[in-house]
Amino acid sequence: MTAMSKRVSVAVLAASAVAVIGVAAPQASAAPVPQPQSVTAETRAAAAQAAGAPDTLATLSRFFAREGKVAMDAARPRIEGEAIPVSYLSPDFVAGKAGASVARLEFLASKAVSSDGQQAVLWTARTGAGWQVVNIATGDDEFRYAQMGAAKLPGGTVFREPQIDAWYVARGGRVLPLDEDAERAVGAGGTSLAAYRSRVTRAYGDKLPGSAYAEGGMAGGYSAAADDAGAPVAAGAVAGGLALGALGVVAVRRARRGRTVV
């Protein structure tokens, strides 16, 4: 199964809510707010409230109408199902801290659908102002990879290595690839958790928070680097943008490389 497409996303929060290690980017205007270590009924309810808020639905209408596929007043966006947790490679794991999990929670994802069938994912995170939608992205990557990981390694932790846009599932000392980028990194059969830690430590160990790389404003957040089409690329989690209520939909392309591994 292949997935060669461009993903469009919109940053909707002024300050960073989630940080990504090892991504070249301008420093965020405010320090990232730590996310909960686990998802509870309370956090799911807070994410659902933010995703279903009138301002969010109005922004979704503009988002779905941005290319003229549907009129803004006819988009009628709706939120489907419950929010799911989305985890990224953990800096503590990269640093080799004892007992650190391979991934940490970055945000909750909610699926939005328009009247003409377009899909988008809302990223909701805890910020200094409470739980807010911090990004809207086309497609359903977060949900699709969660389902693939559950099928490939039941009970495992699905996570993304944002530096190379790779998705994995890990459990019981094994790390298995879920897409082509991950397969290139660890092989079609996956690798051991120890070998994976060695690889990411070599790749990102000198770019962690507190390093000279990070102190120079290069670690974490949002990259304005251009892709081959000349459009900005969101290299990881959102660190900049406009407040949701004032958002005029400005699309940002995120390259989706390679194919899905099934």
C-alpha atoms as a PDB file:
ATOM      1  CA  MET A   1       0.000   0.000   0.000  1.00  0.00           C
ATOM      2  CA  THR A   2       1.499   3.348  -0.968  1.00  0.00           C
ATOM      3  CA  ALA A   3       1.081   6.790   0.543  1.00  0.00           C
ATOM      4  CA  MET A   4       2.829   9.317  -1.685  1.00  0.00           C
ATOM      5  CA  SER A   5       1.096  12.595  -0.912  1.00  0.00           C
ATOM      6  CA  LYS A   6       1.538  16.083   0.425  1.00  0.00           C
ATOM      7  CA  ARG A   7       0.047  16.850   3.800  1.00  0.00           C
ATOM      8  CA  VAL A   8      -1.295  20.315   4.481  1.00  0.00           C
ATOM      9  CA  SER A   9      -1.355  21.711   7.990  1.00  0.00           C
ATOM     10  CA  VAL A  10      -2.270  24.990   9.659  1.00  0.00           C
ATOM     11  CA  ALA A  11      -0.665  26.317  12.830  1.00  0.00           C
ATOM     12  CA  VAL A  12      -3.301  27.804  15.095  1.00  0.00           C
ATOM     13  CA  LEU A  13      -1.534  28.740  18.324  1.00  0.00           C
ATOM     14  CA  ALA A  14       0.815  31.582  19.115  1.00  0.00           C
ATOM     15  CA  ALA A  15       3.078  29.697  21.550  1.00  0.00           C
ATOM     16  CA  SER A  16       4.509  26.209  21.326  1.00  0.00           C
ATOM     17  CA  ALA A  17       2.648  23.458  23.127  1.00  0.00           C
ATOM     18  CA  VAL A  18       4.813  20.559  22.009  1.00  0.00           C
ATOM     19  CA  ALA A  19       8.536  20.311  21.290  1.00  0.00           C
ATOM     20  CA  VAL A  20      10.488  18.153  18.868  1.00  0.00           C
ATOM     21  CA  ILE A  21      14.136  17.299  19.408  1.00  0.00           C
ATOM     22  CA  GLY A  22      16.674  17.672  16.667  1.00  0.00           C
ATOM     23  CA  VAL A  23      14.748  19.771  14.145  1.00  0.00           C
ATOM     24  CA  ALA A  24      16.347  22.875  12.680  1.00  0.00           C
ATOM     25  CA  ALA A  25      13.988  25.722  13.487  1.00  0.00           C
ATOM     26  CA  PRO A  26      13.713  29.179  14.984  1.00  0.00           C
ATOM     27  CA  GLN A  27      13.287  29.131  18.744  1.00  0.00           C
ATOM     28  CA  ALA A  28       9.683  29.251  19.944  1.00  0.00           C
ATOM     29  CA  SER A  29       8.408  32.462  21.457  1.00  0.00           C
ATOM     30  CA  ALA A  30       7.545  30.687  24.705  1.00  0.00           C
ATOM     31  CA  ALA A  31       8.808  27.597  26.488  1.00  0.00           C
ATOM     32  CA  PRO A  32       6.868  24.419  25.646  1.00  0.00           C
ATOM     33  CA  VAL A  33       4.253  23.350  28.173  1.00  0.00           C
ATOM     34  CA  PRO A  34       4.829  19.743  29.352  1.00  0.00           C
ATOM     35  CA  GLN A  35       2.106  17.331  28.302  1.00  0.00           C
ATOM     36  CA  PRO A  36       0.519  14.767  30.663  1.00  0.00           C
ATOM     37  CA  GLN A  37       2.380  11.478  30.959  1.00  0.00           C
ATOM     38  CA  SER A  38      -0.787   9.527  30.224  1.00  0.00           C
ATOM     39  CA  VAL A  39      -4.282  10.049  28.862  1.00  0.00           C
ATOM     40  CA  THR A  40      -7.221  10.134  31.262  1.00  0.00           C
ATOM     41  CA  ALA A  41     -10.957  10.576  30.845  1.00  0.00           C
ATOM     42  CA  GLU A  42     -10.455  14.193  31.925  1.00  0.00           C
ATOM     43  CA  THR A  43      -7.835  14.937  29.255  1.00  0.00           C
ATOM     44  CA  ARG A  44      -9.954  13.262  26.562  1.00  0.00           C
ATOM     45  CA  ALA A  45     -12.925  15.381  27.616  1.00  0.00           C
ATOM     46  CA  ALA A  46     -10.817  18.555  27.494  1.00  0.00           C
ATOM     47  CA  ALA A  47      -9.539  17.661  24.016  1.00  0.00           C
ATOM     48  CA  ALA A  48     -13.066  16.908  22.813  1.00  0.00           C
ATOM     49  CA  GLN A  49     -14.317  20.248  24.127  1.00  0.00           C
ATOM     50  CA  ALA A  50     -11.532  22.140  22.327  1.00  0.00           C
ATOM     51  CA  ALA A  51     -12.043  20.197  19.078  1.00  0.00           C
ATOM     52  CA  GLY A  52     -15.795  20.761  19.057  1.00  0.00           C
ATOM     53  CA  ALA A  53     -15.731  24.439  20.020  1.00  0.00           C
ATOM     54  CA  PRO A  54     -17.552  26.842  17.642  1.00  0.00           C
ATOM     55  CA  ASP A  55     -14.311  28.691  16.783  1.00  0.00           C
ATOM     56  CA  THR A  56     -12.642  25.389  15.891  1.00  0.00           C
ATOM     57  CA  LEU A  57     -15.520  24.329  13.640  1.00  0.00           C
ATOM     58  CA  ALA A  58     -15.479  27.734  11.928  1.00  0.00           C
ATOM     59  CA  THR A  59     -11.748  27.355  11.280  1.00  0.00           C
ATOM     60  CA  LEU A  60     -12.338  23.845   9.925  1.00  0.00           C
ATOM     61  CA  SER A  61     -14.906  25.227   7.487  1.00  0.00           C
ATOM     62  CA  ARG A  62     -12.288  27.634   6.115  1.00  0.00           C
ATOM     63  CA  PHE A  63      -9.688  24.862   6.064  1.00  0.00           C
ATOM     64  CA  PHE A  64     -11.863  22.465   4.064  1.00  0.00           C
ATOM     65  CA  ALA A  65     -12.897  25.268   1.680  1.00  0.00           C
ATOM     66  CA  ARG A  66      -9.350  26.545   1.041  1.00  0.00           C
ATOM     67  CA  GLU A  67      -9.008  24.854  -2.396  1.00  0.00           C
ATOM     68  CA  GLY A  68     -12.594  25.380  -3.525  1.00  0.00           C
ATOM     69  CA  LYS A  69     -13.632  21.743  -3.116  1.00  0.00           C
ATOM     70  CA  VAL A  70     -16.571  22.806  -0.979  1.00  0.00           C
ATOM     71  CA  ALA A  71     -18.099  26.177  -0.113  1.00  0.00           C
ATOM     72  CA  MET A  72     -17.205  27.418   3.346  1.00  0.00           C
ATOM     73  CA  ASP A  73     -20.854  27.666   4.403  1.00  0.00           C
ATOM     74  CA  ALA A  74     -21.509  24.148   3.078  1.00  0.00           C
ATOM     75  CA  ALA A  75     -18.511  22.383   4.670  1.00  0.00           C
ATOM     76  CA  ARG A  76     -20.422  21.543   7.882  1.00  0.00           C
ATOM     77  CA  PRO A  77     -17.428  19.932   9.645  1.00  0.00           C
ATOM     78  CA  ARG A  78     -18.033  17.366  12.356  1.00  0.00           C
ATOM     79  CA  ILE A  79     -15.801  15.554  14.849  1.00  0.00           C
ATOM     80  CA  GLU A  80     -15.900  11.762  14.574  1.00  0.00           C
ATOM     81  CA  GLY A  81     -15.115   9.413  17.445  1.00  0.00           C
ATOM     82  CA  GLU A  82     -12.849   9.939  20.437  1.00  0.00           C
ATOM     83  CA  ALA A  83      -9.515  11.714  20.570  1.00  0.00           C
ATOM     84  CA  ILE A  84      -6.495   9.402  20.557  1.00  0.00           C
ATOM     85  CA  PRO A  85      -3.044   9.944  22.106  1.00  0.00           C
ATOM     86  CA  VAL A  86      -0.141  10.630  19.736  1.00  0.00           C
ATOM     87  CA  SER A  87       3.397   9.985  20.943  1.00  0.00           C
ATOM     88  CA  TYR A  88       6.790  11.066  19.602  1.00  0.00           C
ATOM     89  CA  LEU A  89      10.318   9.810  20.249  1.00  0.00           C
ATOM     90  CA  SER A  90      11.246  10.798  23.811  1.00  0.00           C
ATOM     91  CA  PRO A  91      14.296  13.026  24.475  1.00  0.00           C
ATOM     92  CA  ASP A  92      14.815  11.147  27.763  1.00  0.00           C
ATOM     93  CA  PHE A  93      15.086   7.879  25.821  1.00  0.00           C
ATOM     94  CA  VAL A  94      17.583   9.467  23.422  1.00  0.00           C
ATOM     95  CA  ALA A  95      19.589  10.750  26.403  1.00  0.00           C
ATOM     96  CA  GLY A  96      19.747   7.231  27.858  1.00  0.00           C
ATOM     97  CA  LYS A  97      17.940   8.038  31.103  1.00  0.00           C
ATOM     98  CA  ALA A  98      17.225   4.924  33.154  1.00  0.00           C
ATOM     99  CA  GLY A  99      13.644   3.726  32.830  1.00  0.00           C
ATOM    100  CA  ALA A 100      12.757   6.200  30.070  1.00  0.00           C
ATOM    101  CA  SER A 101      10.080   5.050  27.640  1.00  0.00           C
ATOM    102  CA  VAL A 102      10.838   5.130  23.935  1.00  0.00           C
ATOM    103  CA  ALA A 103       8.055   7.670  23.350  1.00  0.00           C
ATOM    104  CA  ARG A 104       6.187  10.398  25.176  1.00  0.00           C
ATOM    105  CA  LEU A 105       2.749  11.908  24.685  1.00  0.00           C
ATOM    106  CA  GLU A 106       2.829  14.998  22.451  1.00  0.00           C
ATOM    107  CA  PHE A 107      -0.852  15.749  21.774  1.00  0.00           C
ATOM    108  CA  LEU A 108      -4.313  14.257  21.374  1.00  0.00           C
ATOM    109  CA  ALA A 109      -5.673  13.831  17.856  1.00  0.00           C
ATOM    110  CA  SER A 110      -9.326  14.264  16.857  1.00  0.00           C
ATOM    111  CA  LYS A 111     -10.683  13.337  13.431  1.00  0.00           C
ATOM    112  CA  ALA A 112     -12.708  15.967  11.552  1.00  0.00           C
ATOM    113  CA  VAL A 113     -14.788  15.248   8.437  1.00  0.00           C
ATOM    114  CA  SER A 114     -16.449  17.710   6.057  1.00  0.00           C
ATOM    115  CA  SER A 115     -19.772  17.328   4.267  1.00  0.00           C
ATOM    116  CA  ASP A 116     -17.972  16.284   1.055  1.00  0.00           C
ATOM    117  CA  GLY A 117     -15.861  13.632   2.796  1.00  0.00           C
ATOM    118  CA  GLN A 118     -12.577  15.516   3.277  1.00  0.00           C
ATOM    119  CA  GLN A 119     -10.699  14.495   6.421  1.00  0.00           C
ATOM    120  CA  ALA A 120      -8.433  16.403   8.761  1.00  0.00           C
ATOM    121  CA  VAL A 121      -6.795  15.785  12.117  1.00  0.00           C
ATOM    122  CA  LEU A 122      -6.920  18.310  14.948  1.00  0.00           C
ATOM    123  CA  TRP A 123      -3.904  18.335  17.258  1.00  0.00           C
ATOM    124  CA  THR A 124      -4.991  19.316  20.770  1.00  0.00           C
ATOM    125  CA  ALA A 125      -2.418  19.972  23.491  1.00  0.00           C
ATOM    126  CA  ARG A 126      -2.176  21.451  26.959  1.00  0.00           C
ATOM    127  CA  THR A 127      -0.942  25.041  26.747  1.00  0.00           C
ATOM    128  CA  GLY A 128      -0.429  27.879  29.176  1.00  0.00           C
ATOM    129  CA  ALA A 129      -4.047  28.851  28.479  1.00  0.00           C
ATOM    130  CA  GLY A 130      -5.428  25.332  28.925  1.00  0.00           C
ATOM    131  CA  TRP A 131      -6.255  22.665  26.339  1.00  0.00           C
ATOM    132  CA  GLN A 132      -6.320  24.131  22.833  1.00  0.00           C
ATOM    133  CA  VAL A 133      -6.211  23.028  19.202  1.00  0.00           C
ATOM    134  CA  VAL A 134      -2.659  23.828  18.064  1.00  0.00           C
ATOM    135  CA  ASN A 135      -2.686  22.446  14.519  1.00  0.00           C
ATOM    136  CA  ILE A 136      -4.978  21.151  11.773  1.00  0.00           C
ATOM    137  CA  ALA A 137      -3.563  18.699   9.215  1.00  0.00           C
ATOM    138  CA  THR A 138      -5.124  17.003   6.207  1.00  0.00           C
ATOM    139  CA  GLY A 139      -5.623  13.258   6.075  1.00  0.00           C
ATOM    140  CA  ASP A 140      -5.761  10.746   8.907  1.00  0.00           C
ATOM    141  CA  ASP A 141      -2.119   9.734   9.481  1.00  0.00           C
ATOM    142  CA  GLU A 142      -2.355   9.615  13.270  1.00  0.00           C
ATOM    143  CA  PHE A 143      -5.408   7.346  13.207  1.00  0.00           C
ATOM    144  CA  ARG A 144      -4.134   5.178  10.359  1.00  0.00           C
ATOM    145  CA  TYR A 145      -0.791   4.450  12.003  1.00  0.00           C
ATOM    146  CA  ALA A 146      -2.465   3.800  15.362  1.00  0.00           C
ATOM    147  CA  GLN A 147      -4.615   1.129  13.691  1.00  0.00           C
ATOM    148  CA  MET A 148      -1.650  -0.351  11.823  1.00  0.00           C
ATOM    149  CA  GLY A 149       0.437  -0.538  14.986  1.00  0.00           C
ATOM    150  CA  ALA A 150      -2.345  -2.248  16.926  1.00  0.00           C
ATOM    151  CA  ALA A 151      -2.655  -4.852  14.174  1.00  0.00           C
ATOM    152  CA  LYS A 152       1.101  -5.399  13.754  1.00  0.00           C
ATOM    153  CA  LEU A 153       2.049  -5.516  17.439  1.00  0.00           C
ATOM    154  CA  PRO A 154      -1.046  -5.617  19.692  1.00  0.00           C
ATOM    155  CA  GLY A 155      -0.586  -3.670  22.903  1.00  0.00           C
ATOM    156  CA  GLY A 156       2.463  -1.850  21.557  1.00  0.00           C
ATOM    157  CA  THR A 157       3.275   1.852  21.666  1.00  0.00           C
ATOM    158  CA  VAL A 158       2.837   3.608  18.326  1.00  0.00           C
ATOM    159  CA  PHE A 159       5.120   6.607  17.946  1.00  0.00           C
ATOM    160  CA  ARG A 160       6.663   8.964  15.414  1.00  0.00           C
ATOM    161  CA  GLU A 161      10.315   9.901  14.975  1.00  0.00           C
ATOM    162  CA  PRO A 162       9.644  13.404  13.608  1.00  0.00           C
ATOM    163  CA  GLN A 163      13.197  14.111  12.501  1.00  0.00           C
ATOM    164  CA  ILE A 164      12.777  11.643   9.612  1.00  0.00           C
ATOM    165  CA  ASP A 165       8.947  11.479   9.571  1.00  0.00           C
ATOM    166  CA  ALA A 166       9.000   7.776  10.486  1.00  0.00           C
ATOM    167  CA  TRP A 167       6.301   5.813  12.325  1.00  0.00           C
ATOM    168  CA  TYR A 168       6.956   2.733  14.489  1.00  0.00           C
ATOM    169  CA  VAL A 169       5.342   0.418  17.008  1.00  0.00           C
ATOM    170  CA  ALA A 170       7.352  -0.843  19.998  1.00  0.00           C
ATOM    171  CA  ARG A 171       6.724  -3.550  22.563  1.00  0.00           C
ATOM    172  CA  GLY A 172       8.687  -6.098  24.551  1.00  0.00           C
ATOM    173  CA  GLY A 173      12.123  -4.956  23.443  1.00  0.00           C
ATOM    174  CA  ARG A 174      11.252  -4.791  19.725  1.00  0.00           C
ATOM    175  CA  VAL A 175      10.718  -1.802  17.421  1.00  0.00           C
ATOM    176  CA  LEU A 176       8.874  -2.488  14.153  1.00  0.00           C
ATOM    177  CA  PRO A 177       8.459  -0.115  11.174  1.00  0.00           C
ATOM    178  CA  LEU A 178       5.065   1.142  10.022  1.00  0.00           C
ATOM    179  CA  ASP A 179       6.149   3.147   6.967  1.00  0.00           C
ATOM    180  CA  GLU A 180       8.949   3.339   4.420  1.00  0.00           C
ATOM    181  CA  ASP A 181      10.965   5.924   6.358  1.00  0.00           C
ATOM    182  CA  ALA A 182      10.982   3.679   9.420  1.00  0.00           C
ATOM    183  CA  GLU A 183      11.830   0.647   7.293  1.00  0.00           C
ATOM    184  CA  ARG A 184      14.860   2.448   5.876  1.00  0.00           C
ATOM    185  CA  ALA A 185      15.959   3.292   9.415  1.00  0.00           C
ATOM    186  CA  VAL A 186      15.543  -0.099  11.133  1.00  0.00           C
ATOM    187  CA  GLY A 187      14.990  -2.614   8.331  1.00  0.00           C
ATOM    188  CA  ALA A 188      11.842  -4.420   7.228  1.00  0.00           C
ATOM    189  CA  GLY A 189      12.021  -6.796  10.190  1.00  0.00           C
ATOM    190  CA  GLY A 190      12.563  -4.062  12.751  1.00  0.00           C
ATOM    191  CA  THR A 191      15.241  -3.972  15.417  1.00  0.00           C
ATOM    192  CA  SER A 192      15.778  -4.374  19.146  1.00  0.00           C
ATOM    193  CA  LEU A 193      14.921  -1.522  21.483  1.00  0.00           C
ATOM    194  CA  ALA A 194      18.587  -1.327  22.532  1.00  0.00           C
ATOM    195  CA  ALA A 195      19.767  -1.055  18.920  1.00  0.00           C
ATOM    196  CA  TYR A 196      17.141   1.593  18.203  1.00  0.00           C
ATOM    197  CA  ARG A 197      18.306   3.619  21.213  1.00  0.00           C
ATOM    198  CA  SER A 198      21.896   3.420  19.968  1.00  0.00           C
ATOM    199  CA  ARG A 199      20.838   4.720  16.552  1.00  0.00           C
ATOM    200  CA  VAL A 200      18.810   7.689  17.817  1.00  0.00           C
ATOM    201  CA  THR A 201      21.450   8.569  20.412  1.00  0.00           C
ATOM    202  CA  ARG A 202      24.064   8.759  17.653  1.00  0.00           C
ATOM    203  CA  ALA A 203      21.725  10.824  15.492  1.00  0.00           C
ATOM    204  CA  TYR A 204      20.269  13.224  18.066  1.00  0.00           C
ATOM    205  CA  GLY A 205      22.235  12.919  21.305  1.00  0.00           C
ATOM    206  CA  ASP A 206      24.125  16.171  20.689  1.00  0.00           C
ATOM    207  CA  LYS A 207      20.929  18.071  19.838  1.00  0.00           C
ATOM    208  CA  LEU A 208      18.980  17.560  23.063  1.00  0.00           C
ATOM    209  CA  PRO A 209      17.657  20.420  25.247  1.00  0.00           C
ATOM    210  CA  GLY A 210      20.590  22.082  26.990  1.00  0.00           C
ATOM    211  CA  SER A 211      23.057  21.254  24.212  1.00  0.00           C
ATOM    212  CA  ALA A 212      24.900  23.906  22.216  1.00  0.00           C
ATOM    213  CA  TYR A 213      22.638  22.991  19.291  1.00  0.00           C
ATOM    214  CA  ALA A 214      19.532  23.685  21.370  1.00  0.00           C
ATOM    215  CA  GLU A 215      20.951  26.819  22.990  1.00  0.00           C
ATOM    216  CA  GLY A 216      21.501  28.179  19.492  1.00  0.00           C
ATOM    217  CA  GLY A 217      17.756  27.966  18.901  1.00  0.00           C
ATOM    218  CA  MET A 218      17.988  24.988  16.549  1.00  0.00           C
ATOM    219  CA  ALA A 219      16.175  22.284  18.525  1.00  0.00           C
ATOM    220  CA  GLY A 220      12.442  21.867  18.498  1.00  0.00           C
ATOM    221  CA  GLY A 221       9.415  23.521  17.073  1.00  0.00           C
ATOM    222  CA  TYR A 222       8.433  24.707  13.654  1.00  0.00           C
ATOM    223  CA  SER A 223      10.636  24.921  10.593  1.00  0.00           C
ATOM    224  CA  ALA A 224      10.043  27.414   7.812  1.00  0.00           C
ATOM    225  CA  ALA A 225      12.360  25.497   5.472  1.00  0.00           C
ATOM    226  CA  ALA A 226      11.004  25.045   1.963  1.00  0.00           C
ATOM    227  CA  ASP A 227      10.190  21.752   0.278  1.00  0.00           C
ATOM    228  CA  ASP A 228      10.982  21.029  -3.356  1.00  0.00           C
ATOM    229  CA  ALA A 229       7.859  22.916  -4.425  1.00  0.00           C
ATOM    230  CA  GLY A 230       8.956  26.025  -2.540  1.00  0.00           C
ATOM    231  CA  ALA A 231       6.240  25.766   0.114  1.00  0.00           C
ATOM    232  CA  PRO A 232       7.105  25.897   3.837  1.00  0.00           C
ATOM    233  CA  VAL A 233       7.448  22.530   5.548  1.00  0.00           C
ATOM    234  CA  ALA A 234       6.268  21.831   9.089  1.00  0.00           C
ATOM    235  CA  ALA A 235       9.200  19.766  10.315  1.00  0.00           C
ATOM    236  CA  GLY A 236       7.575  18.674  13.537  1.00  0.00           C
ATOM    237  CA  ALA A 237       5.145  19.901  16.128  1.00  0.00           C
ATOM    238  CA  VAL A 238       3.727  23.393  15.913  1.00  0.00           C
ATOM    239  CA  ALA A 239       5.586  26.227  17.605  1.00  0.00           C
ATOM    240  CA  GLY A 240       4.188  29.297  15.905  1.00  0.00           C
ATOM    241  CA  GLY A 241       1.104  30.602  14.206  1.00  0.00           C
ATOM    242  CA  LEU A 242      -2.018  32.624  14.861  1.00  0.00           C
ATOM    243  CA  ALA A 243      -4.579  32.423  17.612  1.00  0.00           C
ATOM    244  CA  LEU A 244      -7.479  30.214  16.584  1.00  0.00           C
ATOM    245  CA  GLY A 245     -10.109  32.920  16.639  1.00  0.00           C
ATOM    246  CA  ALA A 246      -8.075  35.149  14.304  1.00  0.00           C
ATOM    247  CA  LEU A 247      -6.879  32.459  11.923  1.00  0.00           C
ATOM    248  CA  GLY A 248      -7.020  33.230   8.233  1.00  0.00           C
ATOM    249  CA  VAL A 249      -6.295  29.811   6.772  1.00  0.00           C
ATOM    250  CA  VAL A 250      -2.645  29.752   5.678  1.00  0.00           C
ATOM    251  CA  ALA A 251      -1.774  26.299   4.387  1.00  0.00           C
ATOM    252  CA  VAL A 252       1.585  24.710   5.158  1.00  0.00           C
ATOM    253  CA  ARG A 253       2.699  21.683   3.178  1.00  0.00           C
ATOM    254  CA  ARG A 254       4.301  18.778   4.957  1.00  0.00           C
ATOM    255  CA  ALA A 255       5.996  16.247   2.727  1.00  0.00           C
ATOM    256  CA  ARG A 256       4.772  12.685   3.203  1.00  0.00           C
ATOM    257  CA  ARG A 257       7.618  10.525   2.030  1.00  0.00           C
ATOM    258  CA  GLY A 258       7.507   6.916   1.003  1.00  0.00           C
ATOM    259  CA  ARG A 259       4.964   4.179   1.360  1.00  0.00           C
ATOM    260  CA  THR A 260       3.006   2.642   4.180  1.00  0.00           C
ATOM    261  CA  VAL A 261       4.381  -0.718   5.329  1.00  0.00           C
ATOM    262  CA  VAL A 262       1.657  -3.297   5.900  1.00  0.00           C
END
